[in-house]
Amino acid sequence: MKSYQITEWCHESFKMQAVTGGNYIDATMGNGNDTLFLCRMAGKTGHVTAFDIQQQALEATEKLLEENGVRERASLILDSHTNMGLYQQKETVDGIFFNFGYLPGADHAVATKAETSLAAIRCGMELLKVGGVMSLCIYSGGDTGYEERTALLGFLKTLDPKRWLVLVHEFYNRKNDPPLPVFLVKLS
């Protein structure tokens, strides 16, 4: 039976739009699972640039990539995702992956915030190629999760439909504020 966890759902949906062998960004490295997924998508010809502000995330990701033999496919950067534009050129990225919230197993006080998440999404939108895809896993709850979700969805609703396809998926029959998978595709 297939898994219907948010991360697997986002990976499968991402693969439908993203090209293999591409240039990808993991904007929120976390424990490295999305970075590993993107490294596999990149193959030997592509590359992944992964960001996080926590050393713990970088170390966990590096270990996971080494264990899976794909460490050379990624640049791991200890910096905010709001600074992605310092490391990539405009319209050169095939796909970007975000998991908003906090690092699983770490201090919940260190979590994404609406203001910086919006800035990172805007930056990522400039970096995407036409046809590129951005995956947003939006987690609610906690101290700022509802505020962040409201801000992100409010912003996405304003995007020009001639330039952006925005798909919001929902676990409709799950309780306790399940995560919200959202996808943006750059149309022009």
Protein backbone atom coordinates (compact mmCIF):
# COMPACT_ATOMS: atom_id res chain seq x y z
CA MET A 1 0.00 0.00 0.00
CA LYS A 2 1.25 3.47 -0.84
CA SER A 3 2.04 5.93 1.91
CA TYR A 4 -0.08 9.04 2.11
CA GLN A 5 2.18 11.01 4.43
CA ILE A 6 2.57 14.63 3.43
CA THR A 7 6.20 14.32 2.36
CA GLU A 8 5.59 11.31 0.11
CA TRP A 9 2.54 12.99 -1.39
CA CYS A 10 4.57 16.11 -2.14
CA HIS A 11 7.42 14.05 -3.62
CA GLU A 12 5.09 12.20 -5.98
CA SER A 13 3.29 15.39 -7.03
CA PHE A 14 6.62 17.18 -7.52
CA LYS A 15 7.89 14.39 -9.81
CA MET A 16 4.89 14.88 -12.12
CA GLN A 17 6.08 18.40 -12.98
CA ALA A 18 9.84 18.56 -12.32
CA VAL A 19 12.42 17.40 -14.83
CA THR A 20 14.95 14.77 -13.82
CA GLY A 21 18.59 15.82 -13.86
CA GLY A 22 17.66 19.38 -12.96
CA ASN A 23 18.83 22.17 -10.69
CA TYR A 24 16.89 22.06 -7.42
CA ILE A 25 16.68 23.88 -4.11
CA ASP A 26 15.67 22.44 -0.76
CA ALA A 27 14.80 25.68 0.98
CA THR A 28 14.29 24.04 4.39
CA MET A 29 16.83 21.24 4.77
CA GLY A 30 15.55 19.82 8.07
CA ASN A 31 16.67 16.23 8.58
CA GLY A 32 17.57 15.85 4.90
CA ASN A 33 14.76 13.71 3.54
CA ASP A 34 13.69 16.22 0.90
CA THR A 35 17.34 16.93 0.04
CA LEU A 36 17.87 13.19 -0.50
CA PHE A 37 14.74 13.03 -2.67
CA LEU A 38 15.99 15.96 -4.75
CA CYS A 39 19.49 14.42 -5.06
CA ARG A 40 17.90 11.31 -6.50
CA MET A 41 15.88 13.48 -8.90
CA ALA A 42 19.06 15.38 -9.86
CA GLY A 43 20.91 12.18 -10.71
CA LYS A 44 24.50 12.50 -11.86
CA THR A 45 23.84 15.48 -14.12
CA GLY A 46 21.81 17.77 -11.82
CA HIS A 47 22.50 19.54 -8.56
CA VAL A 48 20.77 20.41 -5.29
CA THR A 49 21.37 23.45 -3.12
CA ALA A 50 19.94 23.01 0.38
CA PHE A 51 19.45 25.66 3.06
CA ASP A 52 18.87 25.69 6.79
CA ILE A 53 19.76 28.02 9.66
CA GLN A 54 20.50 25.21 12.11
CA GLN A 55 23.83 23.39 12.21
CA GLN A 56 21.99 20.30 13.48
CA ALA A 57 19.99 20.19 10.23
CA LEU A 58 23.08 20.51 8.07
CA GLU A 59 24.88 17.72 9.95
CA ALA A 60 21.87 15.37 9.79
CA THR A 61 21.43 16.03 6.08
CA GLU A 62 25.11 15.52 5.31
CA LYS A 63 25.09 12.18 7.15
CA LEU A 64 21.95 11.01 5.31
CA LEU A 65 23.36 11.96 1.90
CA GLU A 66 26.67 10.23 2.65
CA GLU A 67 24.87 7.07 3.80
CA ASN A 68 22.97 7.05 0.50
CA GLY A 69 25.99 7.77 -1.72
CA VAL A 70 24.73 11.08 -3.11
CA ARG A 71 26.63 13.66 -1.04
CA GLU A 72 28.47 15.03 -4.10
CA ARG A 73 25.15 16.04 -5.68
CA ALA A 74 24.35 18.72 -3.08
CA SER A 75 25.68 21.96 -1.69
CA LEU A 76 24.59 22.31 1.93
CA ILE A 77 24.40 25.92 3.05
CA LEU A 78 24.01 27.20 6.59
CA ASP A 79 21.93 30.26 5.74
CA SER A 80 18.34 31.44 5.62
CA HIS A 81 16.16 30.45 2.68
CA THR A 82 15.49 34.16 2.25
CA ASN A 83 19.04 34.36 0.83
CA MET A 84 18.61 31.74 -1.91
CA GLY A 85 19.11 34.44 -4.52
CA LEU A 86 22.71 34.90 -3.38
CA TYR A 87 23.48 31.33 -4.45
CA GLN A 88 21.40 30.88 -7.62
CA GLN A 89 20.73 32.99 -10.69
CA LYS A 90 17.24 34.08 -11.74
CA GLU A 91 15.31 31.61 -13.88
CA THR A 92 17.86 28.78 -13.51
CA VAL A 93 16.08 26.50 -11.02
CA ASP A 94 13.83 23.61 -12.04
CA GLY A 95 12.25 23.01 -8.65
CA ILE A 96 12.14 24.22 -5.06
CA PHE A 97 10.97 22.33 -2.00
CA PHE A 98 9.76 23.96 1.25
CA ASN A 99 8.67 22.33 4.51
CA PHE A 100 7.48 25.09 6.82
CA GLY A 101 7.39 24.74 10.59
CA TYR A 102 10.20 23.47 12.80
CA LEU A 103 12.95 20.87 12.62
CA PRO A 104 11.52 17.55 13.83
CA GLY A 105 13.19 16.56 17.08
CA ALA A 106 14.66 20.01 17.68
CA ASP A 107 13.69 23.17 19.54
CA HIS A 108 10.16 24.16 18.46
CA ALA A 109 10.97 27.78 19.27
CA VAL A 110 13.11 27.82 16.12
CA ALA A 111 10.47 27.71 13.40
CA THR A 112 9.65 29.39 10.12
CA LYS A 113 7.75 32.66 10.35
CA ALA A 114 5.28 34.23 7.94
CA GLU A 115 7.46 37.24 7.09
CA THR A 116 10.59 35.29 6.19
CA SER A 117 8.66 32.48 4.52
CA LEU A 118 6.93 34.97 2.23
CA ALA A 119 10.27 36.58 1.39
CA ALA A 120 11.74 33.16 0.58
CA ILE A 121 8.80 32.21 -1.64
CA ARG A 122 9.08 35.51 -3.54
CA CYS A 123 12.80 34.93 -4.00
CA GLY A 124 12.19 31.37 -5.16
CA MET A 125 9.61 32.54 -7.68
CA GLU A 126 12.29 34.68 -9.34
CA LEU A 127 14.74 31.76 -9.40
CA LEU A 128 12.36 29.29 -11.06
CA LYS A 129 12.55 28.64 -14.79
CA VAL A 130 9.35 28.74 -16.81
CA GLY A 131 7.79 25.33 -16.21
CA GLY A 132 9.53 25.05 -12.84
CA VAL A 133 7.66 23.84 -9.77
CA MET A 134 7.66 24.88 -6.13
CA SER A 135 6.33 22.58 -3.41
CA LEU A 136 5.15 24.08 -0.14
CA CYS A 137 4.34 21.81 2.81
CA ILE A 138 2.49 24.11 5.18
CA TYR A 139 2.14 22.91 8.76
CA SER A 140 -0.35 24.63 11.04
CA GLY A 141 -0.42 24.85 14.79
CA GLY A 142 2.26 25.89 17.22
CA ASP A 143 2.88 29.49 18.10
CA THR A 144 3.00 30.88 14.54
CA GLY A 145 1.73 28.09 12.27
CA TYR A 146 -1.79 29.45 11.76
CA GLU A 147 -0.50 32.94 11.11
CA GLU A 148 2.03 31.61 8.62
CA ARG A 149 -0.55 29.46 6.80
CA THR A 150 -2.98 32.40 6.52
CA ALA A 151 -0.25 34.73 5.22
CA LEU A 152 1.08 32.24 2.66
CA LEU A 153 -2.33 31.27 1.31
CA GLY A 154 -3.39 34.91 1.19
CA PHE A 155 -0.32 35.78 -0.88
CA LEU A 156 -0.70 32.81 -3.23
CA LYS A 157 -4.32 33.73 -3.96
CA THR A 158 -3.12 37.08 -5.39
CA LEU A 159 -0.75 35.57 -7.98
CA ASP A 160 -1.46 36.28 -11.64
CA PRO A 161 -3.14 33.14 -13.06
CA LYS A 162 -1.53 33.80 -16.44
CA ARG A 163 1.91 33.48 -14.87
CA TRP A 164 1.32 31.00 -12.02
CA LEU A 165 -0.65 27.82 -11.49
CA VAL A 166 -1.36 27.41 -7.77
CA LEU A 167 -2.73 24.08 -6.55
CA VAL A 168 -3.76 23.66 -2.92
CA HIS A 169 -4.35 20.07 -1.83
CA GLU A 170 -6.11 19.23 1.40
CA PHE A 171 -6.41 16.20 3.65
CA TYR A 172 -10.14 16.83 3.88
CA ASN A 173 -11.16 14.19 6.40
CA ARG A 174 -8.25 14.48 8.83
CA LYS A 175 -8.55 16.32 12.12
CA ASN A 176 -6.12 18.44 14.11
CA ASP A 177 -4.95 20.73 11.32
CA PRO A 178 -3.18 18.33 8.97
CA PRO A 179 -0.39 19.74 6.78
CA LEU A 180 -1.39 21.46 3.58
CA PRO A 181 0.47 20.53 0.37
CA VAL A 182 0.62 23.41 -2.09
CA PHE A 183 2.26 23.56 -5.53
CA LEU A 184 3.18 26.48 -7.76
CA VAL A 185 4.08 26.07 -11.41
CA LYS A 186 5.65 28.98 -13.28
CA LEU A 187 3.68 29.36 -16.53
CA SER A 188 5.45 32.35 -18.04
